[in-house]
Amino acid sequence: MADTAQMVLRTQARHKSTDSKGRVSLGGHFANRAVIVEHRSDDEVIVRLARVIPEREAWLYENPKALASVRRGLNQARKGNATRNPPDLKAAAKLAEQLLD
């Protein structure tokens, strides 16, 4: 029954008027959300909710192995699974300085 209700909501049409600058208020459901506006023709526009990924983070979603690793780490952190022997960050910084020389 939920699927039918969702389909009804998706196909409901409501009358909206544009203002003098061509803007339309979409209502609270779209407040503070990213959307994609698709112009299908001169008289048809489709508005879809969207998620925006910053350009510098897009590589992660294009690399399935890296994404799986990050998700695995997040799940471990969520469960409180932390290592008893964390990495030695001071030694790593010292090595990085040596590599830069």
N, C-alpha and C. Protein backbone atom coordinates (compact mmCIF):
# COMPACT_ATOMS: atom_id res chain seq x y z
N MET A 1 0.82 -1.20 0.00
CA MET A 1 0.00 0.00 0.00
C MET A 1 0.86 1.26 0.00
N ALA A 2 2.02 1.20 0.65
CA ALA A 2 2.90 2.37 0.71
C ALA A 2 3.37 2.76 -0.68
N ASP A 3 3.65 1.77 -1.54
CA ASP A 3 4.09 2.07 -2.89
C ASP A 3 3.03 2.83 -3.67
N THR A 4 1.78 2.43 -3.49
CA THR A 4 0.67 3.11 -4.16
C THR A 4 0.57 4.56 -3.69
N ALA A 5 0.72 4.76 -2.38
CA ALA A 5 0.63 6.12 -1.84
C ALA A 5 1.76 6.98 -2.39
N GLN A 6 2.96 6.43 -2.50
CA GLN A 6 4.07 7.18 -3.05
C GLN A 6 3.81 7.53 -4.51
N MET A 7 3.25 6.61 -5.27
CA MET A 7 2.97 6.89 -6.68
C MET A 7 1.94 7.99 -6.81
N VAL A 8 0.95 7.99 -5.93
CA VAL A 8 -0.07 9.04 -5.98
C VAL A 8 0.58 10.38 -5.69
N LEU A 9 1.47 10.44 -4.68
CA LEU A 9 2.14 11.70 -4.36
C LEU A 9 3.01 12.17 -5.52
N ARG A 10 3.66 11.26 -6.20
CA ARG A 10 4.53 11.64 -7.30
C ARG A 10 3.75 12.20 -8.49
N THR A 11 2.54 11.78 -8.65
CA THR A 11 1.79 12.20 -9.83
C THR A 11 0.80 13.34 -9.54
N GLN A 12 0.75 13.80 -8.31
CA GLN A 12 -0.15 14.90 -7.99
C GLN A 12 0.33 16.17 -8.66
N ALA A 13 -0.60 16.90 -9.21
CA ALA A 13 -0.28 18.18 -9.86
C ALA A 13 -0.91 19.29 -9.04
N ARG A 14 -0.15 20.32 -8.80
CA ARG A 14 -0.67 21.48 -8.08
C ARG A 14 -0.42 22.72 -8.91
N HIS A 15 -1.34 23.64 -8.84
CA HIS A 15 -1.20 24.90 -9.56
C HIS A 15 -0.29 25.83 -8.77
N LYS A 16 0.72 26.36 -9.42
CA LYS A 16 1.62 27.35 -8.83
C LYS A 16 1.77 28.47 -9.84
N SER A 17 1.98 29.67 -9.34
CA SER A 17 2.21 30.81 -10.23
C SER A 17 3.62 31.33 -10.03
N THR A 18 4.23 31.75 -11.11
CA THR A 18 5.56 32.34 -11.02
C THR A 18 5.43 33.80 -10.63
N ASP A 19 6.49 34.33 -10.03
CA ASP A 19 6.50 35.76 -9.72
C ASP A 19 7.07 36.52 -10.90
N SER A 20 7.31 37.81 -10.74
CA SER A 20 7.77 38.64 -11.86
C SER A 20 9.16 38.26 -12.37
N LYS A 21 9.92 37.50 -11.56
CA LYS A 21 11.25 37.06 -11.98
C LYS A 21 11.27 35.60 -12.43
N GLY A 22 10.10 34.99 -12.54
CA GLY A 22 10.03 33.60 -13.00
C GLY A 22 10.25 32.57 -11.92
N ARG A 23 10.20 32.96 -10.66
CA ARG A 23 10.44 32.03 -9.56
C ARG A 23 9.14 31.37 -9.11
N VAL A 24 9.29 30.13 -8.61
CA VAL A 24 8.17 29.37 -8.08
C VAL A 24 8.55 28.87 -6.70
N SER A 25 7.66 28.98 -5.74
CA SER A 25 7.90 28.42 -4.41
C SER A 25 7.48 26.96 -4.45
N LEU A 26 8.41 26.08 -4.10
CA LEU A 26 8.12 24.64 -4.16
C LEU A 26 7.51 24.10 -2.88
N GLY A 27 7.59 24.85 -1.80
CA GLY A 27 7.02 24.40 -0.54
C GLY A 27 8.06 23.86 0.42
N GLY A 28 7.64 23.59 1.63
CA GLY A 28 8.52 23.19 2.70
C GLY A 28 9.31 21.93 2.46
N HIS A 29 8.76 21.00 1.70
CA HIS A 29 9.46 19.74 1.43
C HIS A 29 10.81 19.98 0.73
N PHE A 30 10.89 21.05 -0.03
CA PHE A 30 12.12 21.35 -0.77
C PHE A 30 13.00 22.39 -0.07
N ALA A 31 12.58 22.87 1.10
CA ALA A 31 13.33 23.92 1.79
C ALA A 31 14.75 23.47 2.13
N ASN A 32 15.72 24.32 1.82
CA ASN A 32 17.14 24.08 2.12
C ASN A 32 17.66 22.77 1.55
N ARG A 33 17.17 22.37 0.41
CA ARG A 33 17.60 21.12 -0.23
C ARG A 33 18.16 21.47 -1.61
N ALA A 34 19.08 20.65 -2.08
CA ALA A 34 19.61 20.81 -3.43
C ALA A 34 18.64 20.15 -4.41
N VAL A 35 18.45 20.77 -5.55
CA VAL A 35 17.55 20.21 -6.56
C VAL A 35 18.21 20.29 -7.93
N ILE A 36 17.76 19.42 -8.80
CA ILE A 36 18.13 19.48 -10.21
C ILE A 36 16.89 19.92 -10.96
N VAL A 37 17.02 20.96 -11.77
CA VAL A 37 15.91 21.47 -12.56
C VAL A 37 16.17 21.07 -14.00
N GLU A 38 15.29 20.26 -14.53
CA GLU A 38 15.45 19.74 -15.90
C GLU A 38 14.38 20.34 -16.80
N HIS A 39 14.82 21.06 -17.81
CA HIS A 39 13.88 21.65 -18.77
C HIS A 39 13.66 20.64 -19.89
N ARG A 40 12.50 20.02 -19.91
CA ARG A 40 12.20 19.00 -20.92
C ARG A 40 11.77 19.62 -22.24
N SER A 41 11.02 20.68 -22.14
CA SER A 41 10.54 21.35 -23.35
C SER A 41 10.16 22.78 -22.94
N ASP A 42 9.60 23.52 -23.87
CA ASP A 42 9.20 24.89 -23.55
C ASP A 42 8.15 24.96 -22.45
N ASP A 43 7.35 23.89 -22.30
CA ASP A 43 6.27 23.94 -21.32
C ASP A 43 6.37 22.86 -20.24
N GLU A 44 7.54 22.22 -20.10
CA GLU A 44 7.68 21.17 -19.09
C GLU A 44 9.02 21.29 -18.36
N VAL A 45 8.93 21.30 -17.03
CA VAL A 45 10.11 21.37 -16.18
C VAL A 45 9.96 20.29 -15.11
N ILE A 46 11.04 19.56 -14.85
CA ILE A 46 11.04 18.54 -13.80
C ILE A 46 12.04 18.97 -12.74
N VAL A 47 11.60 18.92 -11.47
CA VAL A 47 12.46 19.27 -10.34
C VAL A 47 12.67 18.00 -9.53
N ARG A 48 13.95 17.64 -9.33
CA ARG A 48 14.28 16.44 -8.57
C ARG A 48 15.19 16.81 -7.41
N LEU A 49 14.96 16.18 -6.24
CA LEU A 49 15.87 16.37 -5.13
C LEU A 49 17.21 15.76 -5.50
N ALA A 50 18.29 16.35 -5.02
CA ALA A 50 19.63 15.87 -5.38
C ALA A 50 20.55 15.96 -4.18
N ARG A 51 21.65 15.23 -4.27
CA ARG A 51 22.75 15.35 -3.33
C ARG A 51 23.95 15.83 -4.13
N VAL A 52 24.66 16.78 -3.59
CA VAL A 52 25.80 17.36 -4.29
C VAL A 52 27.08 16.90 -3.59
N ILE A 53 28.01 16.40 -4.35
CA ILE A 53 29.30 15.96 -3.82
C ILE A 53 30.34 16.99 -4.24
N PRO A 54 31.09 17.53 -3.28
CA PRO A 54 32.14 18.49 -3.64
C PRO A 54 33.14 17.85 -4.61
N GLU A 55 33.63 18.62 -5.55
CA GLU A 55 34.56 18.13 -6.58
C GLU A 55 35.75 17.40 -5.97
N ARG A 56 36.31 17.96 -4.89
CA ARG A 56 37.50 17.35 -4.32
C ARG A 56 37.21 16.01 -3.63
N GLU A 57 35.92 15.68 -3.41
CA GLU A 57 35.55 14.41 -2.79
C GLU A 57 35.00 13.40 -3.80
N ALA A 58 34.79 13.81 -5.02
CA ALA A 58 34.18 12.94 -6.03
C ALA A 58 35.02 11.70 -6.31
N TRP A 59 36.36 11.82 -6.21
CA TRP A 59 37.24 10.69 -6.49
C TRP A 59 36.88 9.47 -5.64
N LEU A 60 36.44 9.72 -4.39
CA LEU A 60 36.13 8.62 -3.49
C LEU A 60 34.98 7.77 -4.04
N TYR A 61 33.99 8.43 -4.60
CA TYR A 61 32.83 7.71 -5.13
C TYR A 61 33.14 7.06 -6.48
N GLU A 62 34.24 7.45 -7.09
CA GLU A 62 34.66 6.85 -8.36
C GLU A 62 35.64 5.70 -8.12
N ASN A 63 36.02 5.46 -6.86
CA ASN A 63 36.98 4.42 -6.51
C ASN A 63 36.30 3.44 -5.55
N PRO A 64 35.72 2.35 -6.06
CA PRO A 64 34.96 1.43 -5.22
C PRO A 64 35.78 0.85 -4.06
N LYS A 65 37.06 0.58 -4.28
CA LYS A 65 37.89 0.00 -3.23
C LYS A 65 38.09 1.00 -2.08
N ALA A 66 38.39 2.25 -2.43
CA ALA A 66 38.57 3.28 -1.40
C ALA A 66 37.27 3.55 -0.66
N LEU A 67 36.16 3.60 -1.38
CA LEU A 67 34.86 3.85 -0.75
C LEU A 67 34.51 2.73 0.22
N ALA A 68 34.76 1.48 -0.19
CA ALA A 68 34.48 0.34 0.70
C ALA A 68 35.34 0.42 1.95
N SER A 69 36.58 0.84 1.80
CA SER A 69 37.48 0.97 2.94
C SER A 69 37.00 2.04 3.91
N VAL A 70 36.59 3.18 3.38
CA VAL A 70 36.08 4.26 4.22
C VAL A 70 34.81 3.82 4.94
N ARG A 71 33.91 3.18 4.22
CA ARG A 71 32.66 2.72 4.85
C ARG A 71 32.94 1.68 5.93
N ARG A 72 33.88 0.79 5.66
CA ARG A 72 34.26 -0.22 6.65
C ARG A 72 34.81 0.47 7.91
N GLY A 73 35.68 1.46 7.73
CA GLY A 73 36.23 2.20 8.86
C GLY A 73 35.16 2.95 9.64
N LEU A 74 34.22 3.54 8.94
CA LEU A 74 33.13 4.25 9.62
C LEU A 74 32.27 3.29 10.43
N ASN A 75 31.99 2.12 9.87
CA ASN A 75 31.22 1.11 10.61
C ASN A 75 31.97 0.65 11.84
N GLN A 76 33.28 0.43 11.71
CA GLN A 76 34.09 0.02 12.86
C GLN A 76 34.08 1.11 13.93
N ALA A 77 34.22 2.35 13.53
CA ALA A 77 34.21 3.46 14.48
C ALA A 77 32.85 3.57 15.17
N ARG A 78 31.77 3.38 14.40
CA ARG A 78 30.42 3.45 14.95
C ARG A 78 30.22 2.39 16.03
N LYS A 79 30.83 1.23 15.82
CA LYS A 79 30.71 0.12 16.78
C LYS A 79 31.71 0.25 17.93
N GLY A 80 32.59 1.24 17.87
CA GLY A 80 33.58 1.43 18.92
C GLY A 80 34.79 0.55 18.75
N ASN A 81 34.96 -0.05 17.58
CA ASN A 81 36.12 -0.90 17.31
C ASN A 81 37.31 -0.02 16.95
N ALA A 82 38.18 0.19 17.91
CA ALA A 82 39.39 0.98 17.68
C ALA A 82 40.60 0.11 17.98
N THR A 83 41.69 0.40 17.33
CA THR A 83 42.90 -0.38 17.55
C THR A 83 43.50 -0.07 18.92
N ARG A 84 44.14 -1.06 19.51
CA ARG A 84 44.81 -0.85 20.80
C ARG A 84 46.20 -0.27 20.58
N ASN A 85 46.70 -0.40 19.37
CA ASN A 85 48.03 0.12 19.03
C ASN A 85 47.90 1.11 17.88
N PRO A 86 47.52 2.34 18.19
CA PRO A 86 47.34 3.33 17.11
C PRO A 86 48.68 3.65 16.45
N PRO A 87 48.64 4.17 15.25
CA PRO A 87 49.89 4.51 14.56
C PRO A 87 50.66 5.59 15.30
N ASP A 88 51.97 5.57 15.16
CA ASP A 88 52.84 6.57 15.78
C ASP A 88 52.91 7.77 14.84
N LEU A 89 52.08 8.76 15.12
CA LEU A 89 51.99 9.93 14.24
C LEU A 89 53.27 10.76 14.25
N LYS A 90 53.97 10.80 15.37
CA LYS A 90 55.23 11.56 15.43
C LYS A 90 56.27 10.91 14.52
N ALA A 91 56.33 9.58 14.54
CA ALA A 91 57.29 8.88 13.68
C ALA A 91 56.91 9.08 12.21
N ALA A 92 55.63 9.07 11.92
CA ALA A 92 55.17 9.26 10.54
C ALA A 92 55.52 10.67 10.06
N ALA A 93 55.36 11.66 10.94
CA ALA A 93 55.69 13.05 10.58
C ALA A 93 57.19 13.19 10.34
N LYS A 94 57.99 12.52 11.16
CA LYS A 94 59.44 12.56 11.00
C LYS A 94 59.84 11.94 9.66
N LEU A 95 59.22 10.81 9.32
CA LEU A 95 59.50 10.15 8.04
C LEU A 95 59.09 11.05 6.88
N ALA A 96 57.93 11.71 7.01
CA ALA A 96 57.48 12.61 5.94
C ALA A 96 58.47 13.75 5.73
N GLU A 97 59.01 14.29 6.82
CA GLU A 97 60.00 15.36 6.70
C GLU A 97 61.24 14.87 5.97
N GLN A 98 61.67 13.65 6.26
CA GLN A 98 62.84 13.07 5.61
C GLN A 98 62.59 12.87 4.11
N LEU A 99 61.37 12.46 3.78
CA LEU A 99 61.03 12.21 2.37
C LEU A 99 60.99 13.50 1.56
N LEU A 100 60.61 14.60 2.21
CA LEU A 100 60.54 15.88 1.52
C LEU A 100 61.91 16.45 1.20
N ASP A 101 62.93 16.04 1.96
CA ASP A 101 64.29 16.56 1.74
C ASP A 101 64.92 16.01 0.53
